[in-house]
């Protein structure tokens, strides 16, 4: 993973964790895998 994509995952993770309207259970590793799967070419 590039440094830029890692930074993007960190930003998304921080925003989702601090979202106050709903309680969100999230692990950073799972989020990272999900985002990487979106960018993979099949």
C-alpha atoms as a PDB file:
ATOM      1  CA  UNK A   1       0.000   0.000   0.000  1.00  0.00           C
ATOM      2  CA  UNK A   2       1.312   3.423  -0.863  1.00  0.00           C
ATOM      3  CA  UNK A   3       1.716   6.133   1.710  1.00  0.00           C
ATOM      4  CA  UNK A   4      -0.982   8.210   0.021  1.00  0.00           C
ATOM      5  CA  UNK A   5      -3.546   5.410   0.110  1.00  0.00           C
ATOM      6  CA  UNK A   6      -2.666   4.620   3.716  1.00  0.00           C
ATOM      7  CA  UNK A   7      -3.262   8.256   4.606  1.00  0.00           C
ATOM      8  CA  UNK A   8      -6.631   8.115   2.841  1.00  0.00           C
ATOM      9  CA  UNK A   9      -7.644   5.039   4.839  1.00  0.00           C
ATOM     10  CA  UNK A  10      -6.619   6.810   8.049  1.00  0.00           C
ATOM     11  CA  UNK A  11      -8.757   9.839   7.203  1.00  0.00           C
ATOM     12  CA  UNK A  12     -11.799   7.708   6.373  1.00  0.00           C
ATOM     13  CA  UNK A  13     -11.320   5.653   9.531  1.00  0.00           C
ATOM     14  CA  UNK A  14     -11.121   8.745  11.749  1.00  0.00           C
ATOM     15  CA  UNK A  15     -14.237  10.264  10.172  1.00  0.00           C
ATOM     16  CA  UNK A  16     -16.268   7.080  10.569  1.00  0.00           C
ATOM     17  CA  UNK A  17     -15.169   6.488  14.157  1.00  0.00           C
ATOM     18  CA  UNK A  18     -16.160  10.009  15.207  1.00  0.00           C
ATOM     19  CA  UNK A  19     -19.541   9.896  13.435  1.00  0.00           C
ATOM     20  CA  UNK A  20     -21.995  10.702  16.236  1.00  0.00           C
ATOM     21  CA  UNK A  21     -25.408   9.962  14.742  1.00  0.00           C
ATOM     22  CA  UNK A  22     -24.895   6.199  14.756  1.00  0.00           C
ATOM     23  CA  UNK A  23     -22.627   3.866  16.620  1.00  0.00           C
ATOM     24  CA  UNK A  24     -20.217   2.261  14.183  1.00  0.00           C
ATOM     25  CA  UNK A  25     -18.138  -0.797  14.977  1.00  0.00           C
ATOM     26  CA  UNK A  26     -15.134  -0.699  12.700  1.00  0.00           C
ATOM     27  CA  UNK A  27     -11.677  -2.169  12.618  1.00  0.00           C
ATOM     28  CA  UNK A  28      -9.039  -0.367  10.634  1.00  0.00           C
ATOM     29  CA  UNK A  29      -7.694  -3.557   9.037  1.00  0.00           C
ATOM     30  CA  UNK A  30     -11.127  -4.521   7.719  1.00  0.00           C
ATOM     31  CA  UNK A  31     -11.662  -1.046   6.315  1.00  0.00           C
ATOM     32  CA  UNK A  32      -8.265  -1.207   4.664  1.00  0.00           C
ATOM     33  CA  UNK A  33      -9.035  -4.564   3.023  1.00  0.00           C
ATOM     34  CA  UNK A  34     -12.395  -3.307   1.819  1.00  0.00           C
ATOM     35  CA  UNK A  35     -10.926  -0.180   0.211  1.00  0.00           C
ATOM     36  CA  UNK A  36      -8.174  -2.177  -1.449  1.00  0.00           C
ATOM     37  CA  UNK A  37     -10.746  -4.592  -2.854  1.00  0.00           C
ATOM     38  CA  UNK A  38     -12.565  -1.666  -4.461  1.00  0.00           C
ATOM     39  CA  UNK A  39      -9.441  -0.681  -6.384  1.00  0.00           C
ATOM     40  CA  UNK A  40      -8.449  -4.158  -7.535  1.00  0.00           C
ATOM     41  CA  UNK A  41      -8.964  -4.986 -11.180  1.00  0.00           C
ATOM     42  CA  UNK A  42     -10.713  -8.256 -11.909  1.00  0.00           C
END
